[in-house]
């Protein structure tokens, strides 16, 4: 059931992005905190991809391409937070993460949030 007055984890990651990028240390108290760290990381990755884009169409293409790139899962050498998340129990479970990351980029809607006067800026977050 959808509740319009509730904030989901993606909204929280966007809302607190500015503050969270300045933390050197982050006290992890729950699995939601781990997810917030992961989402903050990927918002940063997406914003870096948007830096060179001039138009909304270029930015949208860059984000879609980013969402289609291979995503490292816990236990793989390229995973950005080794030891923070448990390794997947099966290939099926491991295959879900790239799917979730792709839809995370779509829900973020960074292109529309950050495109101002022919350039992308994270000051709107």
PDB file of N, CA and C in Angstrom:
ATOM      1  N   UNK A   1       0.845  -1.173   0.000  1.00  0.00           N
ATOM      2  CA  UNK A   1       0.000   0.000   0.000  1.00  0.00           C
ATOM      3  C   UNK A   1       0.892   1.238   0.000  1.00  0.00           C
ATOM      4  N   UNK A   2       0.515   2.239  -0.750  1.00  0.00           N
ATOM      5  CA  UNK A   2       1.297   3.460  -0.890  1.00  0.00           C
ATOM      6  C   UNK A   2       0.769   4.532   0.064  1.00  0.00           C
ATOM      7  N   UNK A   3       1.685   5.131   0.795  1.00  0.00           N
ATOM      8  CA  UNK A   3       1.328   6.239   1.688  1.00  0.00           C
ATOM      9  C   UNK A   3       2.113   7.468   1.251  1.00  0.00           C
ATOM     10  N   UNK A   4       1.406   8.475   0.757  1.00  0.00           N
ATOM     11  CA  UNK A   4       2.054   9.679   0.228  1.00  0.00           C
ATOM     12  C   UNK A   4       2.783  10.474   1.310  1.00  0.00           C
ATOM     13  N   UNK A   5       2.390  10.328   2.559  1.00  0.00           N
ATOM     14  CA  UNK A   5       3.000  11.121   3.620  1.00  0.00           C
ATOM     15  C   UNK A   5       4.231  10.459   4.229  1.00  0.00           C
ATOM     16  N   UNK A   6       4.614   9.306   3.732  1.00  0.00           N
ATOM     17  CA  UNK A   6       5.785   8.613   4.275  1.00  0.00           C
ATOM     18  C   UNK A   6       6.983   8.796   3.358  1.00  0.00           C
ATOM     19  N   UNK A   7       8.132   8.908   3.969  1.00  0.00           N
ATOM     20  CA  UNK A   7       9.377   9.049   3.228  1.00  0.00           C
ATOM     21  C   UNK A   7      10.026   7.678   3.110  1.00  0.00           C
ATOM     22  N   UNK A   8      10.434   7.308   1.903  1.00  0.00           N
ATOM     23  CA  UNK A   8      11.126   6.040   1.742  1.00  0.00           C
ATOM     24  C   UNK A   8      12.637   6.271   1.822  1.00  0.00           C
ATOM     25  N   UNK A   9      13.404   5.202   1.736  1.00  0.00           N
ATOM     26  CA  UNK A   9      14.853   5.285   1.914  1.00  0.00           C
ATOM     27  C   UNK A   9      15.512   6.095   0.788  1.00  0.00           C
ATOM     28  N   UNK A  10      14.955   6.068  -0.412  1.00  0.00           N
ATOM     29  CA  UNK A  10      15.516   6.855  -1.512  1.00  0.00           C
ATOM     30  C   UNK A  10      15.320   8.341  -1.234  1.00  0.00           C
ATOM     31  N   UNK A  11      14.130   8.711  -0.783  1.00  0.00           N
ATOM     32  CA  UNK A  11      13.882  10.111  -0.416  1.00  0.00           C
ATOM     33  C   UNK A  11      14.814  10.549   0.707  1.00  0.00           C
ATOM     34  N   UNK A  12      15.026   9.672   1.663  1.00  0.00           N
ATOM     35  CA  UNK A  12      15.923   9.991   2.782  1.00  0.00           C
ATOM     36  C   UNK A  12      17.356  10.173   2.298  1.00  0.00           C
ATOM     37  N   UNK A  13      17.804   9.314   1.380  1.00  0.00           N
ATOM     38  CA  UNK A  13      19.163   9.430   0.841  1.00  0.00           C
ATOM     39  C   UNK A  13      19.348  10.762   0.118  1.00  0.00           C
ATOM     40  N   UNK A  14      18.326  11.194  -0.614  1.00  0.00           N
ATOM     41  CA  UNK A  14      18.400  12.472  -1.322  1.00  0.00           C
ATOM     42  C   UNK A  14      18.379  13.635  -0.326  1.00  0.00           C
ATOM     43  N   UNK A  15      17.460  13.571   0.619  1.00  0.00           N
ATOM     44  CA  UNK A  15      17.302  14.646   1.600  1.00  0.00           C
ATOM     45  C   UNK A  15      18.584  14.888   2.392  1.00  0.00           C
ATOM     46  N   UNK A  16      19.237  13.807   2.806  1.00  0.00           N
ATOM     47  CA  UNK A  16      20.412  13.933   3.665  1.00  0.00           C
ATOM     48  C   UNK A  16      21.736  13.785   2.915  1.00  0.00           C
ATOM     49  N   UNK A  17      21.689  13.814   1.573  1.00  0.00           N
ATOM     50  CA  UNK A  17      22.906  13.631   0.791  1.00  0.00           C
ATOM     51  C   UNK A  17      23.978  14.649   1.157  1.00  0.00           C
ATOM     52  N   UNK A  18      23.630  15.924   1.162  1.00  0.00           N
ATOM     53  CA  UNK A  18      24.614  16.974   1.461  1.00  0.00           C
ATOM     54  C   UNK A  18      25.301  16.745   2.799  1.00  0.00           C
ATOM     55  N   UNK A  19      24.525  16.451   3.812  1.00  0.00           N
ATOM     56  CA  UNK A  19      25.100  16.236   5.148  1.00  0.00           C
ATOM     57  C   UNK A  19      25.933  14.957   5.183  1.00  0.00           C
ATOM     58  N   UNK A  20      25.438  13.896   4.568  1.00  0.00           N
ATOM     59  CA  UNK A  20      26.107  12.598   4.648  1.00  0.00           C
ATOM     60  C   UNK A  20      27.444  12.556   3.936  1.00  0.00           C
ATOM     61  N   UNK A  21      27.624  13.332   2.880  1.00  0.00           N
ATOM     62  CA  UNK A  21      28.906  13.281   2.168  1.00  0.00           C
ATOM     63  C   UNK A  21      30.037  13.905   2.986  1.00  0.00           C
ATOM     64  N   UNK A  22      29.696  14.673   3.988  1.00  0.00           N
ATOM     65  CA  UNK A  22      30.742  15.302   4.802  1.00  0.00           C
ATOM     66  C   UNK A  22      31.126  14.500   6.043  1.00  0.00           C
ATOM     67  N   UNK A  23      30.432  13.402   6.308  1.00  0.00           N
ATOM     68  CA  UNK A  23      30.788  12.564   7.456  1.00  0.00           C
ATOM     69  C   UNK A  23      32.065  11.790   7.156  1.00  0.00           C
ATOM     70  N   UNK A  24      33.007  11.843   8.065  1.00  0.00           N
ATOM     71  CA  UNK A  24      34.188  10.983   7.950  1.00  0.00           C
ATOM     72  C   UNK A  24      33.887   9.620   8.535  1.00  0.00           C
ATOM     73  N   UNK A  25      33.113   9.613   9.593  1.00  0.00           N
ATOM     74  CA  UNK A  25      32.701   8.375  10.251  1.00  0.00           C
ATOM     75  C   UNK A  25      31.191   8.385  10.365  1.00  0.00           C
ATOM     76  N   UNK A  26      30.617   7.218  10.297  1.00  0.00           N
ATOM     77  CA  UNK A  26      29.169   7.103  10.353  1.00  0.00           C
ATOM     78  C   UNK A  26      28.847   5.933  11.269  1.00  0.00           C
ATOM     79  N   UNK A  27      28.122   6.186  12.333  1.00  0.00           N
ATOM     80  CA  UNK A  27      27.771   5.142  13.288  1.00  0.00           C
ATOM     81  C   UNK A  27      26.613   4.315  12.731  1.00  0.00           C
ATOM     82  N   UNK A  28      26.906   3.085  12.353  1.00  0.00           N
ATOM     83  CA  UNK A  28      25.898   2.203  11.773  1.00  0.00           C
ATOM     84  C   UNK A  28      25.123   1.531  12.893  1.00  0.00           C
ATOM     85  N   UNK A  29      23.818   1.820  12.934  1.00  0.00           N
ATOM     86  CA  UNK A  29      22.974   1.276  13.990  1.00  0.00           C
ATOM     87  C   UNK A  29      21.968   0.256  13.487  1.00  0.00           C
ATOM     88  N   UNK A  30      21.745   0.209  12.186  1.00  0.00           N
ATOM     89  CA  UNK A  30      20.756  -0.717  11.646  1.00  0.00           C
ATOM     90  C   UNK A  30      21.070  -1.012  10.185  1.00  0.00           C
ATOM     91  N   UNK A  31      20.426  -2.016   9.600  1.00  0.00           N
ATOM     92  CA  UNK A  31      20.606  -2.287   8.169  1.00  0.00           C
ATOM     93  C   UNK A  31      20.201  -1.091   7.294  1.00  0.00           C
ATOM     94  N   UNK A  32      19.262  -0.293   7.763  1.00  0.00           N
ATOM     95  CA  UNK A  32      18.855   0.897   7.004  1.00  0.00           C
ATOM     96  C   UNK A  32      20.017   1.880   6.876  1.00  0.00           C
ATOM     97  N   UNK A  33      20.850   1.980   7.911  1.00  0.00           N
ATOM     98  CA  UNK A  33      22.028   2.854   7.842  1.00  0.00           C
ATOM     99  C   UNK A  33      23.005   2.359   6.777  1.00  0.00           C
ATOM    100  N   UNK A  34      23.168   1.048   6.673  1.00  0.00           N
ATOM    101  CA  UNK A  34      24.033   0.483   5.636  1.00  0.00           C
ATOM    102  C   UNK A  34      23.501   0.820   4.252  1.00  0.00           C
ATOM    103  N   UNK A  35      22.205   0.690   4.084  1.00  0.00           N
ATOM    104  CA  UNK A  35      21.598   1.010   2.798  1.00  0.00           C
ATOM    105  C   UNK A  35      21.754   2.494   2.485  1.00  0.00           C
ATOM    106  N   UNK A  36      21.618   3.341   3.480  1.00  0.00           N
ATOM    107  CA  UNK A  36      21.785   4.785   3.285  1.00  0.00           C
ATOM    108  C   UNK A  36      23.211   5.104   2.823  1.00  0.00           C
ATOM    109  N   UNK A  37      24.193   4.433   3.381  1.00  0.00           N
ATOM    110  CA  UNK A  37      25.589   4.611   2.956  1.00  0.00           C
ATOM    111  C   UNK A  37      25.740   4.210   1.493  1.00  0.00           C
ATOM    112  N   UNK A  38      25.184   3.078   1.131  1.00  0.00           N
ATOM    113  CA  UNK A  38      25.275   2.558  -0.225  1.00  0.00           C
ATOM    114  C   UNK A  38      24.584   3.503  -1.216  1.00  0.00           C
ATOM    115  N   UNK A  39      23.411   3.980  -0.864  1.00  0.00           N
ATOM    116  CA  UNK A  39      22.671   4.882  -1.748  1.00  0.00           C
ATOM    117  C   UNK A  39      23.383   6.227  -1.887  1.00  0.00           C
ATOM    118  N   UNK A  40      23.958   6.726  -0.805  1.00  0.00           N
ATOM    119  CA  UNK A  40      24.720   7.979  -0.854  1.00  0.00           C
ATOM    120  C   UNK A  40      25.912   7.826  -1.795  1.00  0.00           C
ATOM    121  N   UNK A  41      26.576   6.691  -1.723  1.00  0.00           N
ATOM    122  CA  UNK A  41      27.694   6.405  -2.619  1.00  0.00           C
ATOM    123  C   UNK A  41      27.235   6.459  -4.076  1.00  0.00           C
ATOM    124  N   UNK A  42      26.124   5.808  -4.381  1.00  0.00           N
ATOM    125  CA  UNK A  42      25.666   5.766  -5.763  1.00  0.00           C
ATOM    126  C   UNK A  42      25.104   7.104  -6.247  1.00  0.00           C
ATOM    127  N   UNK A  43      24.570   7.906  -5.360  1.00  0.00           N
ATOM    128  CA  UNK A  43      24.175   9.265  -5.758  1.00  0.00           C
ATOM    129  C   UNK A  43      25.423  10.028  -6.183  1.00  0.00           C
ATOM    130  N   UNK A  44      26.499   9.883  -5.420  1.00  0.00           N
ATOM    131  CA  UNK A  44      27.758  10.546  -5.749  1.00  0.00           C
ATOM    132  C   UNK A  44      28.300  10.068  -7.098  1.00  0.00           C
ATOM    133  N   UNK A  45      28.252   8.764  -7.344  1.00  0.00           N
ATOM    134  CA  UNK A  45      28.705   8.211  -8.626  1.00  0.00           C
ATOM    135  C   UNK A  45      27.879   8.808  -9.767  1.00  0.00           C
ATOM    136  N   UNK A  46      26.572   8.863  -9.581  1.00  0.00           N
ATOM    137  CA  UNK A  46      25.686   9.401 -10.624  1.00  0.00           C
ATOM    138  C   UNK A  46      25.964  10.880 -10.873  1.00  0.00           C
ATOM    139  N   UNK A  47      26.163  11.648  -9.816  1.00  0.00           N
ATOM    140  CA  UNK A  47      26.455  13.074  -9.985  1.00  0.00           C
ATOM    141  C   UNK A  47      27.759  13.297 -10.738  1.00  0.00           C
ATOM    142  N   UNK A  48      28.745  12.445 -10.486  1.00  0.00           N
ATOM    143  CA  UNK A  48      30.006  12.557 -11.220  1.00  0.00           C
ATOM    144  C   UNK A  48      29.808  12.285 -12.702  1.00  0.00           C
ATOM    145  N   UNK A  49      28.909  11.356 -13.038  1.00  0.00           N
ATOM    146  CA  UNK A  49      28.613  11.071 -14.439  1.00  0.00           C
ATOM    147  C   UNK A  49      27.918  12.247 -15.116  1.00  0.00           C
ATOM    148  N   UNK A  50      27.142  12.986 -14.358  1.00  0.00           N
ATOM    149  CA  UNK A  50      26.391  14.098 -14.922  1.00  0.00           C
ATOM    150  C   UNK A  50      27.247  15.349 -15.126  1.00  0.00           C
ATOM    151  N   UNK A  51      28.428  15.398 -14.511  1.00  0.00           N
ATOM    152  CA  UNK A  51      29.262  16.608 -14.580  1.00  0.00           C
ATOM    153  C   UNK A  51      29.531  17.088 -15.990  1.00  0.00           C
ATOM    154  N   UNK A  52      29.810  16.194 -16.901  1.00  0.00           N
ATOM    155  CA  UNK A  52      30.153  16.604 -18.261  1.00  0.00           C
ATOM    156  C   UNK A  52      28.966  16.771 -19.188  1.00  0.00           C
ATOM    157  N   UNK A  53      27.800  16.470 -18.724  1.00  0.00           N
ATOM    158  CA  UNK A  53      26.609  16.546 -19.570  1.00  0.00           C
ATOM    159  C   UNK A  53      26.076  17.971 -19.627  1.00  0.00           C
ATOM    160  N   UNK A  54      25.679  18.386 -20.822  1.00  0.00           N
ATOM    161  CA  UNK A  54      25.170  19.752 -20.989  1.00  0.00           C
ATOM    162  C   UNK A  54      23.648  19.788 -21.097  1.00  0.00           C
ATOM    163  N   UNK A  55      23.068  18.759 -21.676  1.00  0.00           N
ATOM    164  CA  UNK A  55      21.619  18.772 -21.887  1.00  0.00           C
ATOM    165  C   UNK A  55      20.953  17.702 -21.034  1.00  0.00           C
ATOM    166  N   UNK A  56      19.665  17.865 -20.889  1.00  0.00           N
ATOM    167  CA  UNK A  56      18.875  16.887 -20.150  1.00  0.00           C
ATOM    168  C   UNK A  56      18.929  15.525 -20.837  1.00  0.00           C
ATOM    169  N   UNK A  57      18.924  15.525 -22.161  1.00  0.00           N
ATOM    170  CA  UNK A  57      18.996  14.270 -22.918  1.00  0.00           C
ATOM    171  C   UNK A  57      20.333  13.562 -22.681  1.00  0.00           C
ATOM    172  N   UNK A  58      21.436  14.315 -22.688  1.00  0.00           N
ATOM    173  CA  UNK A  58      22.752  13.724 -22.408  1.00  0.00           C
ATOM    174  C   UNK A  58      22.800  13.153 -21.005  1.00  0.00           C
ATOM    175  N   UNK A  59      22.267  13.880 -20.052  1.00  0.00           N
ATOM    176  CA  UNK A  59      22.260  13.423 -18.671  1.00  0.00           C
ATOM    177  C   UNK A  59      21.428  12.174 -18.490  1.00  0.00           C
ATOM    178  N   UNK A  60      20.271  12.153 -19.118  1.00  0.00           N
ATOM    179  CA  UNK A  60      19.409  10.970 -19.031  1.00  0.00           C
ATOM    180  C   UNK A  60      20.102   9.756 -19.617  1.00  0.00           C
ATOM    181  N   UNK A  61      20.754   9.931 -20.750  1.00  0.00           N
ATOM    182  CA  UNK A  61      21.489   8.824 -21.379  1.00  0.00           C
ATOM    183  C   UNK A  61      22.623   8.347 -20.475  1.00  0.00           C
ATOM    184  N   UNK A  62      23.344   9.283 -19.854  1.00  0.00           N
ATOM    185  CA  UNK A  62      24.453   8.918 -18.963  1.00  0.00           C
ATOM    186  C   UNK A  62      23.957   8.110 -17.763  1.00  0.00           C
ATOM    187  N   UNK A  63      22.820   8.501 -17.203  1.00  0.00           N
ATOM    188  CA  UNK A  63      22.285   7.788 -16.042  1.00  0.00           C
ATOM    189  C   UNK A  63      21.772   6.412 -16.436  1.00  0.00           C
ATOM    190  N   UNK A  64      21.107   6.318 -17.572  1.00  0.00           N
ATOM    191  CA  UNK A  64      20.634   4.999 -18.035  1.00  0.00           C
ATOM    192  C   UNK A  64      21.816   4.088 -18.294  1.00  0.00           C
ATOM    193  N   UNK A  65      22.866   4.603 -18.937  1.00  0.00           N
ATOM    194  CA  UNK A  65      24.059   3.790 -19.192  1.00  0.00           C
ATOM    195  C   UNK A  65      24.731   3.378 -17.883  1.00  0.00           C
ATOM    196  N   UNK A  66      24.759   4.265 -16.917  1.00  0.00           N
ATOM    197  CA  UNK A  66      25.321   3.923 -15.608  1.00  0.00           C
ATOM    198  C   UNK A  66      24.518   2.795 -14.971  1.00  0.00           C
ATOM    199  N   UNK A  67      23.213   2.877 -15.080  1.00  0.00           N
ATOM    200  CA  UNK A  67      22.361   1.835 -14.526  1.00  0.00           C
ATOM    201  C   UNK A  67      22.518   0.492 -15.210  1.00  0.00           C
ATOM    202  N   UNK A  68      23.000   0.493 -16.445  1.00  0.00           N
ATOM    203  CA  UNK A  68      23.188  -0.749 -17.192  1.00  0.00           C
ATOM    204  C   UNK A  68      24.577  -1.355 -17.008  1.00  0.00           C
ATOM    205  N   UNK A  69      25.486  -0.611 -16.386  1.00  0.00           N
ATOM    206  CA  UNK A  69      26.840  -1.131 -16.157  1.00  0.00           C
ATOM    207  C   UNK A  69      26.813  -2.263 -15.137  1.00  0.00           C
ATOM    208  N   UNK A  70      27.856  -3.079 -15.176  1.00  0.00           N
ATOM    209  CA  UNK A  70      27.970  -4.176 -14.219  1.00  0.00           C
ATOM    210  C   UNK A  70      28.101  -3.605 -12.809  1.00  0.00           C
ATOM    211  N   UNK A  71      27.311  -4.125 -11.906  1.00  0.00           N
ATOM    212  CA  UNK A  71      27.347  -3.710 -10.511  1.00  0.00           C
ATOM    213  C   UNK A  71      28.005  -4.822  -9.710  1.00  0.00           C
ATOM    214  N   UNK A  72      29.070  -4.485  -8.999  1.00  0.00           N
ATOM    215  CA  UNK A  72      29.730  -5.467  -8.145  1.00  0.00           C
ATOM    216  C   UNK A  72      28.855  -5.737  -6.928  1.00  0.00           C
ATOM    217  N   UNK A  73      28.787  -6.996  -6.554  1.00  0.00           N
ATOM    218  CA  UNK A  73      27.991  -7.384  -5.393  1.00  0.00           C
ATOM    219  C   UNK A  73      28.938  -7.716  -4.243  1.00  0.00           C
ATOM    220  N   UNK A  74      28.425  -7.741  -3.006  1.00  0.00           N
ATOM    221  CA  UNK A  74      29.281  -8.094  -1.870  1.00  0.00           C
ATOM    222  C   UNK A  74      30.012  -9.409  -2.130  1.00  0.00           C
ATOM    223  N   UNK A  75      31.281  -9.412  -1.801  1.00  0.00           N
ATOM    224  CA  UNK A  75      32.107 -10.598  -2.008  1.00  0.00           C
ATOM    225  C   UNK A  75      32.937 -10.520  -3.278  1.00  0.00           C
ATOM    226  N   UNK A  76      32.590  -9.653  -4.202  1.00  0.00           N
ATOM    227  CA  UNK A  76      33.381  -9.468  -5.422  1.00  0.00           C
ATOM    228  C   UNK A  76      34.447  -8.417  -5.175  1.00  0.00           C
ATOM    229  N   UNK A  77      35.507  -8.481  -5.960  1.00  0.00           N
ATOM    230  CA  UNK A  77      36.641  -7.581  -5.729  1.00  0.00           C
ATOM    231  C   UNK A  77      36.313  -6.109  -5.944  1.00  0.00           C
ATOM    232  N   UNK A  78      35.388  -5.761  -6.813  1.00  0.00           N
ATOM    233  CA  UNK A  78      35.080  -4.368  -7.089  1.00  0.00           C
ATOM    234  C   UNK A  78      34.015  -3.757  -6.192  1.00  0.00           C
ATOM    235  N   UNK A  79      33.506  -4.522  -5.242  1.00  0.00           N
ATOM    236  CA  UNK A  79      32.450  -3.992  -4.387  1.00  0.00           C
ATOM    237  C   UNK A  79      33.023  -2.887  -3.501  1.00  0.00           C
ATOM    238  N   UNK A  80      32.357  -1.708  -3.462  1.00  0.00           N
ATOM    239  CA  UNK A  80      32.944  -0.546  -2.777  1.00  0.00           C
ATOM    240  C   UNK A  80      33.001  -0.619  -1.253  1.00  0.00           C
ATOM    241  N   UNK A  81      32.258  -1.528  -0.637  1.00  0.00           N
ATOM    242  CA  UNK A  81      32.223  -1.598   0.827  1.00  0.00           C
ATOM    243  C   UNK A  81      32.460  -3.026   1.311  1.00  0.00           C
ATOM    244  N   UNK A  82      33.679  -3.536   1.157  1.00  0.00           N
ATOM    245  CA  UNK A  82      33.933  -4.910   1.585  1.00  0.00           C
ATOM    246  C   UNK A  82      33.712  -5.067   3.091  1.00  0.00           C
ATOM    247  N   UNK A  83      33.003  -6.119   3.453  1.00  0.00           N
ATOM    248  CA  UNK A  83      32.754  -6.410   4.864  1.00  0.00           C
ATOM    249  C   UNK A  83      31.537  -5.719   5.444  1.00  0.00           C
ATOM    250  N   UNK A  84      30.966  -4.754   4.749  1.00  0.00           N
ATOM    251  CA  UNK A  84      29.810  -4.033   5.273  1.00  0.00           C
ATOM    252  C   UNK A  84      28.518  -4.828   5.089  1.00  0.00           C
ATOM    253  N   UNK A  85      28.416  -5.548   3.983  1.00  0.00           N
ATOM    254  CA  UNK A  85      27.236  -6.345   3.683  1.00  0.00           C
ATOM    255  C   UNK A  85      27.618  -7.811   3.607  1.00  0.00           C
ATOM    256  N   UNK A  86      26.688  -8.667   3.967  1.00  0.00           N
ATOM    257  CA  UNK A  86      26.916 -10.110   3.861  1.00  0.00           C
ATOM    258  C   UNK A  86      26.946 -10.514   2.386  1.00  0.00           C
ATOM    259  N   UNK A  87      27.750 -11.512   2.085  1.00  0.00           N
ATOM    260  CA  UNK A  87      27.796 -12.025   0.722  1.00  0.00           C
ATOM    261  C   UNK A  87      26.460 -12.677   0.377  1.00  0.00           C
ATOM    262  N   UNK A  88      26.067 -12.606  -0.890  1.00  0.00           N
ATOM    263  CA  UNK A  88      24.812 -13.242  -1.291  1.00  0.00           C
ATOM    264  C   UNK A  88      24.880 -14.756  -1.086  1.00  0.00           C
ATOM    265  N   UNK A  89      23.751 -15.334  -0.768  1.00  0.00           N
ATOM    266  CA  UNK A  89      23.683 -16.778  -0.512  1.00  0.00           C
ATOM    267  C   UNK A  89      23.558 -17.597  -1.786  1.00  0.00           C
ATOM    268  N   UNK A  90      23.182 -16.961  -2.894  1.00  0.00           N
ATOM    269  CA  UNK A  90      23.005 -17.676  -4.156  1.00  0.00           C
ATOM    270  C   UNK A  90      23.221 -16.718  -5.325  1.00  0.00           C
ATOM    271  N   UNK A  91      23.340 -17.297  -6.510  1.00  0.00           N
ATOM    272  CA  UNK A  91      23.452 -16.481  -7.718  1.00  0.00           C
ATOM    273  C   UNK A  91      22.178 -15.676  -7.940  1.00  0.00           C
ATOM    274  N   UNK A  92      21.047 -16.266  -7.619  1.00  0.00           N
ATOM    275  CA  UNK A  92      19.767 -15.575  -7.783  1.00  0.00           C
ATOM    276  C   UNK A  92      19.735 -14.322  -6.906  1.00  0.00           C
ATOM    277  N   UNK A  93      20.175 -14.468  -5.672  1.00  0.00           N
ATOM    278  CA  UNK A  93      20.220 -13.321  -4.750  1.00  0.00           C
ATOM    279  C   UNK A  93      21.210 -12.272  -5.249  1.00  0.00           C
ATOM    280  N   UNK A  94      22.359 -12.706  -5.748  1.00  0.00           N
ATOM    281  CA  UNK A  94      23.374 -11.785  -6.275  1.00  0.00           C
ATOM    282  C   UNK A  94      22.856 -11.033  -7.498  1.00  0.00           C
ATOM    283  N   UNK A  95      21.998 -11.661  -8.276  1.00  0.00           N
ATOM    284  CA  UNK A  95      21.454 -11.036  -9.470  1.00  0.00           C
ATOM    285  C   UNK A  95      20.439  -9.951  -9.188  1.00  0.00           C
ATOM    286  N   UNK A  96      19.941  -9.887  -7.975  1.00  0.00           N
ATOM    287  CA  UNK A  96      18.940  -8.876  -7.637  1.00  0.00           C
ATOM    288  C   UNK A  96      19.545  -7.491  -7.451  1.00  0.00           C
ATOM    289  N   UNK A  97      20.772  -7.396  -6.966  1.00  0.00           N
ATOM    290  CA  UNK A  97      21.373  -6.098  -6.676  1.00  0.00           C
ATOM    291  C   UNK A  97      21.471  -5.205  -7.905  1.00  0.00           C
ATOM    292  N   UNK A  98      21.996  -5.681  -9.037  1.00  0.00           N
ATOM    293  CA  UNK A  98      22.048  -4.799 -10.216  1.00  0.00           C
ATOM    294  C   UNK A  98      20.658  -4.304 -10.637  1.00  0.00           C
ATOM    295  N   UNK A  99      19.671  -5.140 -10.513  1.00  0.00           N
ATOM    296  CA  UNK A  99      18.293  -4.770 -10.825  1.00  0.00           C
ATOM    297  C   UNK A  99      17.828  -3.635  -9.914  1.00  0.00           C
ATOM    298  N   UNK A 100      18.098  -3.762  -8.616  1.00  0.00           N
ATOM    299  CA  UNK A 100      17.705  -2.729  -7.667  1.00  0.00           C
ATOM    300  C   UNK A 100      18.460  -1.419  -7.906  1.00  0.00           C
ATOM    301  N   UNK A 101      19.742  -1.522  -8.228  1.00  0.00           N
ATOM    302  CA  UNK A 101      20.534  -0.317  -8.482  1.00  0.00           C
ATOM    303  C   UNK A 101      19.999   0.425  -9.703  1.00  0.00           C
ATOM    304  N   UNK A 102      19.652  -0.310 -10.763  1.00  0.00           N
ATOM    305  CA  UNK A 102      19.098   0.321 -11.964  1.00  0.00           C
ATOM    306  C   UNK A 102      17.825   1.097 -11.624  1.00  0.00           C
ATOM    307  N   UNK A 103      16.918   0.480 -10.885  1.00  0.00           N
ATOM    308  CA  UNK A 103      15.671   1.164 -10.552  1.00  0.00           C
ATOM    309  C   UNK A 103      15.878   2.277  -9.528  1.00  0.00           C
ATOM    310  N   UNK A 104      16.913   2.154  -8.729  1.00  0.00           N
ATOM    311  CA  UNK A 104      17.272   3.247  -7.826  1.00  0.00           C
ATOM    312  C   UNK A 104      17.630   4.491  -8.638  1.00  0.00           C
ATOM    313  N   UNK A 105      18.431   4.325  -9.699  1.00  0.00           N
ATOM    314  CA  UNK A 105      18.802   5.464 -10.542  1.00  0.00           C
ATOM    315  C   UNK A 105      17.572   6.094 -11.187  1.00  0.00           C
ATOM    316  N   UNK A 106      16.635   5.257 -11.610  1.00  0.00           N
ATOM    317  CA  UNK A 106      15.414   5.792 -12.212  1.00  0.00           C
ATOM    318  C   UNK A 106      14.582   6.566 -11.192  1.00  0.00           C
ATOM    319  N   UNK A 107      14.450   6.006  -9.991  1.00  0.00           N
ATOM    320  CA  UNK A 107      13.654   6.684  -8.974  1.00  0.00           C
ATOM    321  C   UNK A 107      14.319   7.960  -8.471  1.00  0.00           C
ATOM    322  N   UNK A 108      15.619   7.984  -8.473  1.00  0.00           N
ATOM    323  CA  UNK A 108      16.331   9.190  -8.037  1.00  0.00           C
ATOM    324  C   UNK A 108      15.914  10.402  -8.854  1.00  0.00           C
ATOM    325  N   UNK A 109      15.744  10.189 -10.152  1.00  0.00           N
ATOM    326  CA  UNK A 109      15.342  11.280 -11.040  1.00  0.00           C
ATOM    327  C   UNK A 109      16.343  12.443 -10.954  1.00  0.00           C
ATOM    328  N   UNK A 110      17.622  12.108 -10.862  1.00  0.00           N
ATOM    329  CA  UNK A 110      18.658  13.130 -10.699  1.00  0.00           C
ATOM    330  C   UNK A 110      18.709  14.120 -11.847  1.00  0.00           C
ATOM    331  N   UNK A 111      18.440  13.656 -13.042  1.00  0.00           N
ATOM    332  CA  UNK A 111      18.514  14.575 -14.187  1.00  0.00           C
ATOM    333  C   UNK A 111      17.558  15.737 -14.014  1.00  0.00           C
ATOM    334  N   UNK A 112      16.333  15.451 -13.677  1.00  0.00           N
ATOM    335  CA  UNK A 112      15.361  16.530 -13.500  1.00  0.00           C
ATOM    336  C   UNK A 112      15.614  17.337 -12.237  1.00  0.00           C
ATOM    337  N   UNK A 113      16.165  16.726 -11.217  1.00  0.00           N
ATOM    338  CA  UNK A 113      16.447  17.441  -9.974  1.00  0.00           C
ATOM    339  C   UNK A 113      17.648  18.370 -10.094  1.00  0.00           C
ATOM    340  N   UNK A 114      18.615  18.008 -10.929  1.00  0.00           N
ATOM    341  CA  UNK A 114      19.901  18.707 -10.930  1.00  0.00           C
ATOM    342  C   UNK A 114      20.188  19.534 -12.173  1.00  0.00           C
ATOM    343  N   UNK A 115      19.352  19.479 -13.186  1.00  0.00           N
ATOM    344  CA  UNK A 115      19.625  20.226 -14.412  1.00  0.00           C
ATOM    345  C   UNK A 115      19.115  21.654 -14.273  1.00  0.00           C
ATOM    346  N   UNK A 116      20.053  22.591 -14.239  1.00  0.00           N
ATOM    347  CA  UNK A 116      19.715  24.005 -14.076  1.00  0.00           C
ATOM    348  C   UNK A 116      20.516  24.815 -15.087  1.00  0.00           C
ATOM    349  N   UNK A 117      19.847  25.602 -15.877  1.00  0.00           N
ATOM    350  CA  UNK A 117      20.503  26.496 -16.840  1.00  0.00           C
ATOM    351  C   UNK A 117      21.615  25.815 -17.631  1.00  0.00           C
ATOM    352  N   UNK A 118      21.268  24.751 -18.304  1.00  0.00           N
ATOM    353  CA  UNK A 118      22.176  24.032 -19.209  1.00  0.00           C
ATOM    354  C   UNK A 118      23.375  23.398 -18.528  1.00  0.00           C
ATOM    355  N   UNK A 119      23.284  23.117 -17.245  1.00  0.00           N
ATOM    356  CA  UNK A 119      24.340  22.349 -16.595  1.00  0.00           C
ATOM    357  C   UNK A 119      23.730  21.599 -15.415  1.00  0.00           C
ATOM    358  N   UNK A 120      24.463  20.605 -14.959  1.00  0.00           N
ATOM    359  CA  UNK A 120      24.016  19.814 -13.832  1.00  0.00           C
ATOM    360  C   UNK A 120      24.733  20.274 -12.579  1.00  0.00           C
ATOM    361  N   UNK A 121      23.975  20.461 -11.515  1.00  0.00           N
ATOM    362  CA  UNK A 121      24.557  20.882 -10.249  1.00  0.00           C
ATOM    363  C   UNK A 121      23.876  20.140  -9.110  1.00  0.00           C
ATOM    364  N   UNK A 122      24.631  19.740  -8.128  1.00  0.00           N
ATOM    365  CA  UNK A 122      24.042  19.001  -7.007  1.00  0.00           C
ATOM    366  C   UNK A 122      23.502  19.937  -5.933  1.00  0.00           C
ATOM    367  N   UNK A 123      23.579  21.224  -6.159  1.00  0.00           N
ATOM    368  CA  UNK A 123      23.088  22.166  -5.152  1.00  0.00           C
ATOM    369  C   UNK A 123      21.575  22.092  -4.980  1.00  0.00           C
ATOM    370  N   UNK A 124      20.878  21.485  -5.915  1.00  0.00           N
ATOM    371  CA  UNK A 124      19.424  21.334  -5.789  1.00  0.00           C
ATOM    372  C   UNK A 124      19.019  20.167  -4.907  1.00  0.00           C
ATOM    373  N   UNK A 125      19.956  19.339  -4.536  1.00  0.00           N
ATOM    374  CA  UNK A 125      19.609  18.183  -3.689  1.00  0.00           C
ATOM    375  C   UNK A 125      19.459  18.609  -2.263  1.00  0.00           C
TER     376      UNK A 125
END
